[in-house]
Amino acid sequence: MAYVFICTVIGVIFIAIFLGIRTTMSDARKISVDFEVHGSVQGVFFRDYTRRTSTQNGCVGWVKNTNQDTVVGQIQGPKKNIDFMKHWLSSVGSPMSTIKRCDFSNEKTIEDVSYKNFTVR
């Protein structure tokens, strides 16, 4: 009886370790994506909030205003963090902003990030 219990515990531990490694490996995948946010996003601290939120979520990259009254940039980081930032850029933004839409392009898996931090240009 004790033998069966020990084998079961060892099996459960092995499965937990295996699944943990698989989750860690998939979470470790880094993504780079360009974005353009449309709406009332200039003059409402959108770039600064983007920098702060990206940095807090382990992402690097850059953001800047355009002459078309949009905000563009690039974010890089772990896939789960990029997914969070895509949601934030599409529907949250800075407190005074109004987001109509956010276009994402050039999404790709990268070996490592190209930037040391997140900058406002």
PDB file of N, CA and C in Angstrom:
ATOM      1  N   MET A   1       0.818  -1.191   0.000  1.00  0.00           N
ATOM      2  CA  MET A   1       0.000   0.000   0.000  1.00  0.00           C
ATOM      3  C   MET A   1       0.864   1.258   0.000  1.00  0.00           C
ATOM      4  N   ALA A   2       1.891   1.288   0.833  1.00  0.00           N
ATOM      5  CA  ALA A   2       2.795   2.436   0.883  1.00  0.00           C
ATOM      6  C   ALA A   2       3.527   2.602  -0.439  1.00  0.00           C
ATOM      7  N   TYR A   3       3.851   1.486  -1.085  1.00  0.00           N
ATOM      8  CA  TYR A   3       4.560   1.524  -2.372  1.00  0.00           C
ATOM      9  C   TYR A   3       3.700   2.217  -3.437  1.00  0.00           C
ATOM     10  N   VAL A   4       2.434   1.904  -3.498  1.00  0.00           N
ATOM     11  CA  VAL A   4       1.516   2.513  -4.455  1.00  0.00           C
ATOM     12  C   VAL A   4       1.396   4.012  -4.180  1.00  0.00           C
ATOM     13  N   PHE A   5       1.293   4.374  -2.918  1.00  0.00           N
ATOM     14  CA  PHE A   5       1.189   5.780  -2.545  1.00  0.00           C
ATOM     15  C   PHE A   5       2.438   6.544  -2.987  1.00  0.00           C
ATOM     16  N   ILE A   6       3.614   5.982  -2.711  1.00  0.00           N
ATOM     17  CA  ILE A   6       4.880   6.643  -3.071  1.00  0.00           C
ATOM     18  C   ILE A   6       4.985   6.772  -4.588  1.00  0.00           C
ATOM     19  N   CYS A   7       4.638   5.725  -5.316  1.00  0.00           N
ATOM     20  CA  CYS A   7       4.687   5.794  -6.781  1.00  0.00           C
ATOM     21  C   CYS A   7       3.725   6.842  -7.319  1.00  0.00           C
ATOM     22  N   THR A   8       2.553   6.940  -6.726  1.00  0.00           N
ATOM     23  CA  THR A   8       1.580   7.951  -7.147  1.00  0.00           C
ATOM     24  C   THR A   8       2.111   9.354  -6.894  1.00  0.00           C
ATOM     25  N   VAL A   9       2.676   9.575  -5.721  1.00  0.00           N
ATOM     26  CA  VAL A   9       3.236  10.891  -5.384  1.00  0.00           C
ATOM     27  C   VAL A   9       4.367  11.242  -6.344  1.00  0.00           C
ATOM     28  N   ILE A  10       5.250  10.293  -6.612  1.00  0.00           N
ATOM     29  CA  ILE A  10       6.361  10.543  -7.537  1.00  0.00           C
ATOM     30  C   ILE A  10       5.814  10.851  -8.924  1.00  0.00           C
ATOM     31  N   GLY A  11       4.794  10.132  -9.356  1.00  0.00           N
ATOM     32  CA  GLY A  11       4.181  10.385 -10.663  1.00  0.00           C
ATOM     33  C   GLY A  11       3.585  11.778 -10.753  1.00  0.00           C
ATOM     34  N   VAL A  12       2.881  12.182  -9.709  1.00  0.00           N
ATOM     35  CA  VAL A  12       2.272  13.518  -9.678  1.00  0.00           C
ATOM     36  C   VAL A  12       3.354  14.594  -9.703  1.00  0.00           C
ATOM     37  N   ILE A  13       4.407  14.393  -8.943  1.00  0.00           N
ATOM     38  CA  ILE A  13       5.515  15.362  -8.926  1.00  0.00           C
ATOM     39  C   ILE A  13       6.152  15.446 -10.312  1.00  0.00           C
ATOM     40  N   PHE A  14       6.381  14.312 -10.947  1.00  0.00           N
ATOM     41  CA  PHE A  14       6.976  14.296 -12.282  1.00  0.00           C
ATOM     42  C   PHE A  14       6.099  15.060 -13.273  1.00  0.00           C
ATOM     43  N   ILE A  15       4.799  14.807 -13.249  1.00  0.00           N
ATOM     44  CA  ILE A  15       3.881  15.494 -14.164  1.00  0.00           C
ATOM     45  C   ILE A  15       3.882  16.991 -13.884  1.00  0.00           C
ATOM     46  N   ALA A  16       3.870  17.394 -12.608  1.00  0.00           N
ATOM     47  CA  ALA A  16       3.877  18.817 -12.256  1.00  0.00           C
ATOM     48  C   ALA A  16       5.151  19.489 -12.742  1.00  0.00           C
ATOM     49  N   ILE A  17       6.279  18.808 -12.577  1.00  0.00           N
ATOM     50  CA  ILE A  17       7.550  19.371 -13.053  1.00  0.00           C
ATOM     51  C   ILE A  17       7.539  19.481 -14.560  1.00  0.00           C
ATOM     52  N   PHE A  18       7.090  18.440 -15.254  1.00  0.00           N
ATOM     53  CA  PHE A  18       7.044  18.448 -16.714  1.00  0.00           C
ATOM     54  C   PHE A  18       6.157  19.572 -17.224  1.00  0.00           C
ATOM     55  N   LEU A  19       4.953  19.705 -16.665  1.00  0.00           N
ATOM     56  CA  LEU A  19       4.043  20.765 -17.090  1.00  0.00           C
ATOM     57  C   LEU A  19       4.601  22.140 -16.752  1.00  0.00           C
ATOM     58  N   GLY A  20       5.273  22.249 -15.609  1.00  0.00           N
ATOM     59  CA  GLY A  20       5.887  23.521 -15.231  1.00  0.00           C
ATOM     60  C   GLY A  20       6.969  23.936 -16.202  1.00  0.00           C
ATOM     61  N   ILE A  21       7.767  22.984 -16.643  1.00  0.00           N
ATOM     62  CA  ILE A  21       8.822  23.281 -17.610  1.00  0.00           C
ATOM     63  C   ILE A  21       8.207  23.702 -18.935  1.00  0.00           C
ATOM     64  N   ARG A  22       7.158  23.013 -19.366  1.00  0.00           N
ATOM     65  CA  ARG A  22       6.498  23.373 -20.618  1.00  0.00           C
ATOM     66  C   ARG A  22       5.911  24.773 -20.538  1.00  0.00           C
ATOM     67  N   THR A  23       5.274  25.124 -19.420  1.00  0.00           N
ATOM     68  CA  THR A  23       4.710  26.453 -19.251  1.00  0.00           C
ATOM     69  C   THR A  23       5.808  27.502 -19.247  1.00  0.00           C
ATOM     70  N   THR A  24       6.896  27.238 -18.538  1.00  0.00           N
ATOM     71  CA  THR A  24       8.002  28.186 -18.487  1.00  0.00           C
ATOM     72  C   THR A  24       8.611  28.381 -19.863  1.00  0.00           C
ATOM     73  N   MET A  25       8.755  27.301 -20.617  1.00  0.00           N
ATOM     74  CA  MET A  25       9.342  27.419 -21.947  1.00  0.00           C
ATOM     75  C   MET A  25       8.446  28.243 -22.864  1.00  0.00           C
ATOM     76  N   SER A  26       7.126  28.042 -22.828  1.00  0.00           N
ATOM     77  CA  SER A  26       6.247  28.808 -23.701  1.00  0.00           C
ATOM     78  C   SER A  26       6.168  30.263 -23.242  1.00  0.00           C
ATOM     79  N   ASP A  27       6.199  30.500 -21.925  1.00  0.00           N
ATOM     80  CA  ASP A  27       6.164  31.863 -21.420  1.00  0.00           C
ATOM     81  C   ASP A  27       7.447  32.611 -21.742  1.00  0.00           C
ATOM     82  N   ALA A  28       8.539  31.888 -21.937  1.00  0.00           N
ATOM     83  CA  ALA A  28       9.829  32.514 -22.188  1.00  0.00           C
ATOM     84  C   ALA A  28       9.939  33.036 -23.618  1.00  0.00           C
ATOM     85  N   ARG A  29       9.031  32.608 -24.489  1.00  0.00           N
ATOM     86  CA  ARG A  29       9.078  33.061 -25.883  1.00  0.00           C
ATOM     87  C   ARG A  29       8.899  34.574 -25.920  1.00  0.00           C
ATOM     88  N   LYS A  30       9.786  35.264 -26.623  1.00  0.00           N
ATOM     89  CA  LYS A  30       9.725  36.724 -26.698  1.00  0.00           C
ATOM     90  C   LYS A  30       9.095  37.135 -28.027  1.00  0.00           C
ATOM     91  N   ILE A  31       8.326  38.217 -27.961  1.00  0.00           N
ATOM     92  CA  ILE A  31       7.578  38.726 -29.104  1.00  0.00           C
ATOM     93  C   ILE A  31       7.937  40.194 -29.318  1.00  0.00           C
ATOM     94  N   SER A  32       7.916  40.609 -30.568  1.00  0.00           N
ATOM     95  CA  SER A  32       8.035  42.015 -30.931  1.00  0.00           C
ATOM     96  C   SER A  32       6.813  42.370 -31.768  1.00  0.00           C
ATOM     97  N   VAL A  33       6.211  43.508 -31.488  1.00  0.00           N
ATOM     98  CA  VAL A  33       5.038  43.935 -32.262  1.00  0.00           C
ATOM     99  C   VAL A  33       5.007  45.462 -32.358  1.00  0.00           C
ATOM    100  N   ASP A  34       4.644  45.950 -33.541  1.00  0.00           N
ATOM    101  CA  ASP A  34       4.453  47.384 -33.764  1.00  0.00           C
ATOM    102  C   ASP A  34       2.982  47.703 -33.515  1.00  0.00           C
ATOM    103  N   PHE A  35       2.707  48.944 -33.120  1.00  0.00           N
ATOM    104  CA  PHE A  35       1.321  49.336 -32.868  1.00  0.00           C
ATOM    105  C   PHE A  35       1.073  50.768 -33.285  1.00  0.00           C
ATOM    106  N   GLU A  36      -0.186  51.069 -33.587  1.00  0.00           N
ATOM    107  CA  GLU A  36      -0.645  52.431 -33.831  1.00  0.00           C
ATOM    108  C   GLU A  36      -2.009  52.576 -33.169  1.00  0.00           C
ATOM    109  N   VAL A  37      -2.108  53.544 -32.264  1.00  0.00           N
ATOM    110  CA  VAL A  37      -3.333  53.757 -31.507  1.00  0.00           C
ATOM    111  C   VAL A  37      -4.045  54.984 -32.064  1.00  0.00           C
ATOM    112  N   HIS A  38      -5.331  54.823 -32.387  1.00  0.00           N
ATOM    113  CA  HIS A  38      -6.174  55.885 -32.943  1.00  0.00           C
ATOM    114  C   HIS A  38      -7.182  56.327 -31.896  1.00  0.00           C
ATOM    115  N   GLY A  39      -7.522  57.586 -31.924  1.00  0.00           N
ATOM    116  CA  GLY A  39      -8.502  58.141 -30.993  1.00  0.00           C
ATOM    117  C   GLY A  39      -7.966  59.424 -30.399  1.00  0.00           C
ATOM    118  N   SER A  40      -8.443  59.764 -29.228  1.00  0.00           N
ATOM    119  CA  SER A  40      -7.944  60.934 -28.506  1.00  0.00           C
ATOM    120  C   SER A  40      -6.795  60.450 -27.616  1.00  0.00           C
ATOM    121  N   VAL A  41      -5.586  60.405 -28.217  1.00  0.00           N
ATOM    122  CA  VAL A  41      -4.438  59.822 -27.528  1.00  0.00           C
ATOM    123  C   VAL A  41      -3.240  60.771 -27.441  1.00  0.00           C
ATOM    124  N   GLN A  42      -3.401  61.980 -27.928  1.00  0.00           N
ATOM    125  CA  GLN A  42      -2.334  62.967 -27.778  1.00  0.00           C
ATOM    126  C   GLN A  42      -2.790  64.053 -26.814  1.00  0.00           C
ATOM    127  N   GLY A  43      -1.853  64.521 -25.987  1.00  0.00           N
ATOM    128  CA  GLY A  43      -2.179  65.545 -24.996  1.00  0.00           C
ATOM    129  C   GLY A  43      -2.892  64.989 -23.772  1.00  0.00           C
ATOM    130  N   VAL A  44      -2.860  63.658 -23.601  1.00  0.00           N
ATOM    131  CA  VAL A  44      -3.547  63.026 -22.466  1.00  0.00           C
ATOM    132  C   VAL A  44      -2.599  62.067 -21.732  1.00  0.00           C
ATOM    133  N   PHE A  45      -1.302  62.300 -21.868  1.00  0.00           N
ATOM    134  CA  PHE A  45      -0.252  61.514 -21.195  1.00  0.00           C
ATOM    135  C   PHE A  45      -0.237  60.043 -21.629  1.00  0.00           C
ATOM    136  N   PHE A  46      -0.740  59.772 -22.828  1.00  0.00           N
ATOM    137  CA  PHE A  46      -0.805  58.391 -23.315  1.00  0.00           C
ATOM    138  C   PHE A  46       0.584  57.772 -23.437  1.00  0.00           C
ATOM    139  N   ARG A  47       1.542  58.523 -23.971  1.00  0.00           N
ATOM    140  CA  ARG A  47       2.898  57.977 -24.138  1.00  0.00           C
ATOM    141  C   ARG A  47       3.543  57.658 -22.796  1.00  0.00           C
ATOM    142  N   ASP A  48       3.385  58.541 -21.827  1.00  0.00           N
ATOM    143  CA  ASP A  48       3.988  58.306 -20.520  1.00  0.00           C
ATOM    144  C   ASP A  48       3.343  57.110 -19.828  1.00  0.00           C
ATOM    145  N   TYR A  49       2.034  56.998 -19.904  1.00  0.00           N
ATOM    146  CA  TYR A  49       1.364  55.833 -19.320  1.00  0.00           C
ATOM    147  C   TYR A  49       1.769  54.543 -20.041  1.00  0.00           C
ATOM    148  N   THR A  50       1.977  54.637 -21.345  1.00  0.00           N
ATOM    149  CA  THR A  50       2.428  53.465 -22.100  1.00  0.00           C
ATOM    150  C   THR A  50       3.812  53.042 -21.628  1.00  0.00           C
ATOM    151  N   ARG A  51       4.695  54.007 -21.442  1.00  0.00           N
ATOM    152  CA  ARG A  51       6.042  53.698 -20.948  1.00  0.00           C
ATOM    153  C   ARG A  51       5.975  53.059 -19.566  1.00  0.00           C
ATOM    154  N   ARG A  52       5.212  53.675 -18.674  1.00  0.00           N
ATOM    155  CA  ARG A  52       5.115  53.150 -17.305  1.00  0.00           C
ATOM    156  C   ARG A  52       4.501  51.747 -17.266  1.00  0.00           C
ATOM    157  N   THR A  53       3.416  51.558 -17.984  1.00  0.00           N
ATOM    158  CA  THR A  53       2.728  50.267 -17.976  1.00  0.00           C
ATOM    159  C   THR A  53       3.596  49.187 -18.611  1.00  0.00           C
ATOM    160  N   SER A  54       4.271  49.521 -19.697  1.00  0.00           N
ATOM    161  CA  SER A  54       5.160  48.557 -20.355  1.00  0.00           C
ATOM    162  C   SER A  54       6.302  48.158 -19.433  1.00  0.00           C
ATOM    163  N   THR A  55       6.913  49.138 -18.805  1.00  0.00           N
ATOM    164  CA  THR A  55       8.032  48.873 -17.903  1.00  0.00           C
ATOM    165  C   THR A  55       7.579  48.013 -16.723  1.00  0.00           C
ATOM    166  N   GLN A  56       6.428  48.333 -16.151  1.00  0.00           N
ATOM    167  CA  GLN A  56       5.902  47.547 -15.031  1.00  0.00           C
ATOM    168  C   GLN A  56       5.599  46.109 -15.435  1.00  0.00           C
ATOM    169  N   ASN A  57       5.350  45.891 -16.721  1.00  0.00           N
ATOM    170  CA  ASN A  57       5.001  44.558 -17.204  1.00  0.00           C
ATOM    171  C   ASN A  57       6.154  43.883 -17.940  1.00  0.00           C
ATOM    172  N   GLY A  58       7.370  44.345 -17.716  1.00  0.00           N
ATOM    173  CA  GLY A  58       8.543  43.670 -18.249  1.00  0.00           C
ATOM    174  C   GLY A  58       8.721  43.777 -19.743  1.00  0.00           C
ATOM    175  N   CYS A  59       8.211  44.853 -20.339  1.00  0.00           N
ATOM    176  CA  CYS A  59       8.359  45.066 -21.778  1.00  0.00           C
ATOM    177  C   CYS A  59       9.287  46.245 -22.039  1.00  0.00           C
ATOM    178  N   VAL A  60       9.922  46.222 -23.190  1.00  0.00           N
ATOM    179  CA  VAL A  60      10.783  47.317 -23.632  1.00  0.00           C
ATOM    180  C   VAL A  60      10.306  47.778 -25.003  1.00  0.00           C
ATOM    181  N   GLY A  61      10.828  48.926 -25.450  1.00  0.00           N
ATOM    182  CA  GLY A  61      10.474  49.427 -26.771  1.00  0.00           C
ATOM    183  C   GLY A  61      10.461  50.936 -26.800  1.00  0.00           C
ATOM    184  N   TRP A  62       9.536  51.485 -27.575  1.00  0.00           N
ATOM    185  CA  TRP A  62       9.443  52.931 -27.720  1.00  0.00           C
ATOM    186  C   TRP A  62       8.023  53.325 -28.117  1.00  0.00           C
ATOM    187  N   VAL A  63       7.717  54.614 -27.955  1.00  0.00           N
ATOM    188  CA  VAL A  63       6.417  55.164 -28.321  1.00  0.00           C
ATOM    189  C   VAL A  63       6.606  56.622 -28.722  1.00  0.00           C
ATOM    190  N   LYS A  64       5.821  57.091 -29.706  1.00  0.00           N
ATOM    191  CA  LYS A  64       5.898  58.503 -30.103  1.00  0.00           C
ATOM    192  C   LYS A  64       4.579  58.946 -30.724  1.00  0.00           C
ATOM    193  N   ASN A  65       4.357  60.262 -30.736  1.00  0.00           N
ATOM    194  CA  ASN A  65       3.208  60.865 -31.407  1.00  0.00           C
ATOM    195  C   ASN A  65       3.475  60.928 -32.901  1.00  0.00           C
ATOM    196  N   THR A  66       2.399  60.974 -33.697  1.00  0.00           N
ATOM    197  CA  THR A  66       2.532  61.162 -35.136  1.00  0.00           C
ATOM    198  C   THR A  66       1.846  62.469 -35.541  1.00  0.00           C
ATOM    199  N   ASN A  67       2.079  62.899 -36.769  1.00  0.00           N
ATOM    200  CA  ASN A  67       1.402  64.080 -37.304  1.00  0.00           C
ATOM    201  C   ASN A  67      -0.068  63.794 -37.627  1.00  0.00           C
ATOM    202  N   GLN A  68      -0.468  62.524 -37.598  1.00  0.00           N
ATOM    203  CA  GLN A  68      -1.855  62.132 -37.880  1.00  0.00           C
ATOM    204  C   GLN A  68      -2.680  62.006 -36.597  1.00  0.00           C
ATOM    205  N   ASP A  69      -2.166  62.561 -35.507  1.00  0.00           N
ATOM    206  CA  ASP A  69      -2.842  62.526 -34.196  1.00  0.00           C
ATOM    207  C   ASP A  69      -3.012  61.118 -33.644  1.00  0.00           C
ATOM    208  N   THR A  70      -2.104  60.212 -34.028  1.00  0.00           N
ATOM    209  CA  THR A  70      -2.089  58.870 -33.463  1.00  0.00           C
ATOM    210  C   THR A  70      -0.819  58.711 -32.643  1.00  0.00           C
ATOM    211  N   VAL A  71      -0.708  57.576 -31.991  1.00  0.00           N
ATOM    212  CA  VAL A  71       0.503  57.225 -31.262  1.00  0.00           C
ATOM    213  C   VAL A  71       0.999  55.905 -31.833  1.00  0.00           C
ATOM    214  N   VAL A  72       2.289  55.844 -32.168  1.00  0.00           N
ATOM    215  CA  VAL A  72       2.878  54.622 -32.709  1.00  0.00           C
ATOM    216  C   VAL A  72       4.017  54.166 -31.815  1.00  0.00           C
ATOM    217  N   GLY A  73       4.372  52.904 -31.954  1.00  0.00           N
ATOM    218  CA  GLY A  73       5.496  52.403 -31.191  1.00  0.00           C
ATOM    219  C   GLY A  73       5.762  50.945 -31.471  1.00  0.00           C
ATOM    220  N   GLN A  74       6.672  50.411 -30.689  1.00  0.00           N
ATOM    221  CA  GLN A  74       7.011  49.002 -30.760  1.00  0.00           C
ATOM    222  C   GLN A  74       7.230  48.503 -29.340  1.00  0.00           C
ATOM    223  N   ILE A  75       6.679  47.322 -29.049  1.00  0.00           N
ATOM    224  CA  ILE A  75       6.898  46.711 -27.745  1.00  0.00           C
ATOM    225  C   ILE A  75       7.505  45.330 -27.946  1.00  0.00           C
ATOM    226  N   GLN A  76       8.383  44.978 -27.028  1.00  0.00           N
ATOM    227  CA  GLN A  76       9.049  43.680 -27.060  1.00  0.00           C
ATOM    228  C   GLN A  76       9.064  43.104 -25.652  1.00  0.00           C
ATOM    229  N   GLY A  77       8.913  41.785 -25.568  1.00  0.00           N
ATOM    230  CA  GLY A  77       8.956  41.133 -24.268  1.00  0.00           C
ATOM    231  C   GLY A  77       8.348  39.753 -24.334  1.00  0.00           C
ATOM    232  N   PRO A  78       8.184  39.117 -23.175  1.00  0.00           N
ATOM    233  CA  PRO A  78       7.562  37.798 -23.127  1.00  0.00           C
ATOM    234  C   PRO A  78       6.140  37.839 -23.690  1.00  0.00           C
ATOM    235  N   LYS A  79       5.732  36.783 -24.363  1.00  0.00           N
ATOM    236  CA  LYS A  79       4.434  36.747 -25.035  1.00  0.00           C
ATOM    237  C   LYS A  79       3.280  37.114 -24.111  1.00  0.00           C
ATOM    238  N   LYS A  80       3.248  36.561 -22.896  1.00  0.00           N
ATOM    239  CA  LYS A  80       2.125  36.865 -22.001  1.00  0.00           C
ATOM    240  C   LYS A  80       2.094  38.348 -21.636  1.00  0.00           C
ATOM    241  N   ASN A  81       3.251  38.986 -21.526  1.00  0.00           N
ATOM    242  CA  ASN A  81       3.311  40.416 -21.213  1.00  0.00           C
ATOM    243  C   ASN A  81       2.873  41.244 -22.420  1.00  0.00           C
ATOM    244  N   ILE A  82       3.264  40.798 -23.614  1.00  0.00           N
ATOM    245  CA  ILE A  82       2.846  41.495 -24.832  1.00  0.00           C
ATOM    246  C   ILE A  82       1.336  41.371 -25.001  1.00  0.00           C
ATOM    247  N   ASP A  83       0.780  40.213 -24.715  1.00  0.00           N
ATOM    248  CA  ASP A  83      -0.676  40.041 -24.795  1.00  0.00           C
ATOM    249  C   ASP A  83      -1.378  41.024 -23.856  1.00  0.00           C
ATOM    250  N   PHE A  84      -0.844  41.190 -22.650  1.00  0.00           N
ATOM    251  CA  PHE A  84      -1.419  42.165 -21.721  1.00  0.00           C
ATOM    252  C   PHE A  84      -1.336  43.569 -22.305  1.00  0.00           C
ATOM    253  N   MET A  85      -0.179  43.937 -22.861  1.00  0.00           N
ATOM    254  CA  MET A  85       0.001  45.282 -23.416  1.00  0.00           C
ATOM    255  C   MET A  85      -0.897  45.510 -24.629  1.00  0.00           C
ATOM    256  N   LYS A  86      -1.122  44.492 -25.429  1.00  0.00           N
ATOM    257  CA  LYS A  86      -2.022  44.632 -26.576  1.00  0.00           C
ATOM    258  C   LYS A  86      -3.435  44.963 -26.091  1.00  0.00           C
ATOM    259  N   HIS A  87      -3.871  44.301 -25.042  1.00  0.00           N
ATOM    260  CA  HIS A  87      -5.180  44.614 -24.457  1.00  0.00           C
ATOM    261  C   HIS A  87      -5.180  46.041 -23.909  1.00  0.00           C
ATOM    262  N   TRP A  88      -4.131  46.403 -23.176  1.00  0.00           N
ATOM    263  CA  TRP A  88      -4.055  47.734 -22.563  1.00  0.00           C
ATOM    264  C   TRP A  88      -4.080  48.822 -23.641  1.00  0.00           C
ATOM    265  N   LEU A  89      -3.282  48.640 -24.708  1.00  0.00           N
ATOM    266  CA  LEU A  89      -3.231  49.624 -25.792  1.00  0.00           C
ATOM    267  C   LEU A  89      -4.555  49.718 -26.548  1.00  0.00           C
ATOM    268  N   SER A  90      -5.288  48.622 -26.633  1.00  0.00           N
ATOM    269  CA  SER A  90      -6.541  48.576 -27.391  1.00  0.00           C
ATOM    270  C   SER A  90      -7.741  49.112 -26.627  1.00  0.00           C
ATOM    271  N   SER A  91      -7.709  48.991 -25.283  1.00  0.00           N
ATOM    272  CA  SER A  91      -8.944  49.305 -24.567  1.00  0.00           C
ATOM    273  C   SER A  91      -8.792  50.038 -23.239  1.00  0.00           C
ATOM    274  N   VAL A  92      -7.585  50.214 -22.745  1.00  0.00           N
ATOM    275  CA  VAL A  92      -7.416  50.884 -21.450  1.00  0.00           C
ATOM    276  C   VAL A  92      -6.779  52.257 -21.645  1.00  0.00           C
ATOM    277  N   GLY A  93      -5.500  52.296 -21.966  1.00  0.00           N
ATOM    278  CA  GLY A  93      -4.794  53.557 -22.193  1.00  0.00           C
ATOM    279  C   GLY A  93      -4.689  54.422 -20.967  1.00  0.00           C
ATOM    280  N   SER A  94      -4.343  55.679 -21.171  1.00  0.00           N
ATOM    281  CA  SER A  94      -4.240  56.621 -20.054  1.00  0.00           C
ATOM    282  C   SER A  94      -5.644  57.024 -19.614  1.00  0.00           C
ATOM    283  N   PRO A  95      -5.782  57.499 -18.372  1.00  0.00           N
ATOM    284  CA  PRO A  95      -7.119  57.811 -17.845  1.00  0.00           C
ATOM    285  C   PRO A  95      -7.927  58.800 -18.694  1.00  0.00           C
ATOM    286  N   MET A  96      -7.269  59.764 -19.328  1.00  0.00           N
ATOM    287  CA  MET A  96      -8.005  60.778 -20.081  1.00  0.00           C
ATOM    288  C   MET A  96      -8.098  60.450 -21.576  1.00  0.00           C
ATOM    289  N   SER A  97      -7.545  59.339 -22.010  1.00  0.00           N
ATOM    290  CA  SER A  97      -7.576  58.996 -23.433  1.00  0.00           C
ATOM    291  C   SER A  97      -8.891  58.346 -23.822  1.00  0.00           C
ATOM    292  N   THR A  98      -9.176  58.412 -25.114  1.00  0.00           N
ATOM    293  CA  THR A  98     -10.304  57.691 -25.704  1.00  0.00           C
ATOM    294  C   THR A  98      -9.752  56.915 -26.890  1.00  0.00           C
ATOM    295  N   ILE A  99      -9.759  55.612 -26.797  1.00  0.00           N
ATOM    296  CA  ILE A  99      -9.178  54.774 -27.838  1.00  0.00           C
ATOM    297  C   ILE A  99     -10.278  54.322 -28.796  1.00  0.00           C
ATOM    298  N   LYS A 100     -10.105  54.653 -30.083  1.00  0.00           N
ATOM    299  CA  LYS A 100     -11.050  54.177 -31.097  1.00  0.00           C
ATOM    300  C   LYS A 100     -10.646  52.796 -31.588  1.00  0.00           C
ATOM    301  N   ARG A 101      -9.353  52.627 -31.838  1.00  0.00           N
ATOM    302  CA  ARG A 101      -8.845  51.321 -32.251  1.00  0.00           C
ATOM    303  C   ARG A 101      -7.330  51.318 -32.128  1.00  0.00           C
ATOM    304  N   CYS A 102      -6.775  50.126 -32.102  1.00  0.00           N
ATOM    305  CA  CYS A 102      -5.326  49.962 -32.098  1.00  0.00           C
ATOM    306  C   CYS A 102      -4.982  48.919 -33.147  1.00  0.00           C
ATOM    307  N   ASP A 103      -4.112  49.299 -34.073  1.00  0.00           N
ATOM    308  CA  ASP A 103      -3.663  48.386 -35.128  1.00  0.00           C
ATOM    309  C   ASP A 103      -2.311  47.806 -34.735  1.00  0.00           C
ATOM    310  N   PHE A 104      -2.183  46.499 -34.867  1.00  0.00           N
ATOM    311  CA  PHE A 104      -0.928  45.812 -34.585  1.00  0.00           C
ATOM    312  C   PHE A 104      -0.376  45.242 -35.884  1.00  0.00           C
ATOM    313  N   SER A 105       0.937  45.313 -36.039  1.00  0.00           N
ATOM    314  CA  SER A 105       1.565  44.791 -37.251  1.00  0.00           C
ATOM    315  C   SER A 105       2.959  44.271 -36.928  1.00  0.00           C
ATOM    316  N   ASN A 106       3.494  43.536 -37.871  1.00  0.00           N
ATOM    317  CA  ASN A 106       4.864  43.009 -37.772  1.00  0.00           C
ATOM    318  C   ASN A 106       5.109  42.196 -36.498  1.00  0.00           C
ATOM    319  N   GLU A 107       4.097  41.464 -36.026  1.00  0.00           N
ATOM    320  CA  GLU A 107       4.307  40.639 -34.836  1.00  0.00           C
ATOM    321  C   GLU A 107       5.180  39.446 -35.211  1.00  0.00           C
ATOM    322  N   LYS A 108       6.215  39.238 -34.408  1.00  0.00           N
ATOM    323  CA  LYS A 108       7.122  38.125 -34.689  1.00  0.00           C
ATOM    324  C   LYS A 108       7.797  37.657 -33.408  1.00  0.00           C
ATOM    325  N   THR A 109       8.209  36.401 -33.432  1.00  0.00           N
ATOM    326  CA  THR A 109       8.988  35.840 -32.337  1.00  0.00           C
ATOM    327  C   THR A 109      10.425  36.294 -32.509  1.00  0.00           C
ATOM    328  N   ILE A 110      11.061  36.699 -31.407  1.00  0.00           N
ATOM    329  CA  ILE A 110      12.449  37.169 -31.451  1.00  0.00           C
ATOM    330  C   ILE A 110      13.285  36.373 -30.458  1.00  0.00           C
ATOM    331  N   GLU A 111      14.576  36.314 -30.726  1.00  0.00           N
ATOM    332  CA  GLU A 111      15.500  35.626 -29.814  1.00  0.00           C
ATOM    333  C   GLU A 111      15.685  36.411 -28.520  1.00  0.00           C
ATOM    334  N   ASP A 112      15.858  37.719 -28.670  1.00  0.00           N
ATOM    335  CA  ASP A 112      16.044  38.583 -27.507  1.00  0.00           C
ATOM    336  C   ASP A 112      15.566  39.982 -27.864  1.00  0.00           C
ATOM    337  N   VAL A 113      15.317  40.796 -26.863  1.00  0.00           N
ATOM    338  CA  VAL A 113      14.834  42.157 -27.084  1.00  0.00           C
ATOM    339  C   VAL A 113      15.942  43.030 -27.661  1.00  0.00           C
ATOM    340  N   SER A 114      15.540  44.066 -28.418  1.00  0.00           N
ATOM    341  CA  SER A 114      16.491  44.979 -29.066  1.00  0.00           C
ATOM    342  C   SER A 114      16.757  46.233 -28.249  1.00  0.00           C
ATOM    343  N   TYR A 115      15.961  46.455 -27.218  1.00  0.00           N
ATOM    344  CA  TYR A 115      16.049  47.693 -26.434  1.00  0.00           C
ATOM    345  C   TYR A 115      16.403  47.357 -24.983  1.00  0.00           C
ATOM    346  N   LYS A 116      16.997  48.340 -24.311  1.00  0.00           N
ATOM    347  CA  LYS A 116      17.351  48.156 -22.896  1.00  0.00           C
ATOM    348  C   LYS A 116      16.214  48.575 -21.985  1.00  0.00           C
ATOM    349  N   ASN A 117      15.369  49.496 -22.455  1.00  0.00           N
ATOM    350  CA  ASN A 117      14.262  50.002 -21.649  1.00  0.00           C
ATOM    351  C   ASN A 117      13.143  50.463 -22.570  1.00  0.00           C
ATOM    352  N   PHE A 118      12.198  51.163 -22.033  1.00  0.00           N
ATOM    353  CA  PHE A 118      11.084  51.709 -22.841  1.00  0.00           C
ATOM    354  C   PHE A 118      11.238  53.218 -22.885  1.00  0.00           C
ATOM    355  N   THR A 119      11.295  53.775 -24.096  1.00  0.00           N
ATOM    356  CA  THR A 119      11.529  55.216 -24.234  1.00  0.00           C
ATOM    357  C   THR A 119      10.360  55.916 -24.899  1.00  0.00           C
ATOM    358  N   VAL A 120      10.181  57.177 -24.525  1.00  0.00           N
ATOM    359  CA  VAL A 120       9.223  58.064 -25.168  1.00  0.00           C
ATOM    360  C   VAL A 120      10.010  58.943 -26.105  1.00  0.00           C
ATOM    361  N   ARG A 121       9.640  58.927 -27.360  1.00  0.00           N
ATOM    362  CA  ARG A 121      10.352  59.732 -28.378  1.00  0.00           C
ATOM    363  C   ARG A 121       9.599  60.994 -28.697  1.00  0.00           C
TER     364      ARG A 121
END
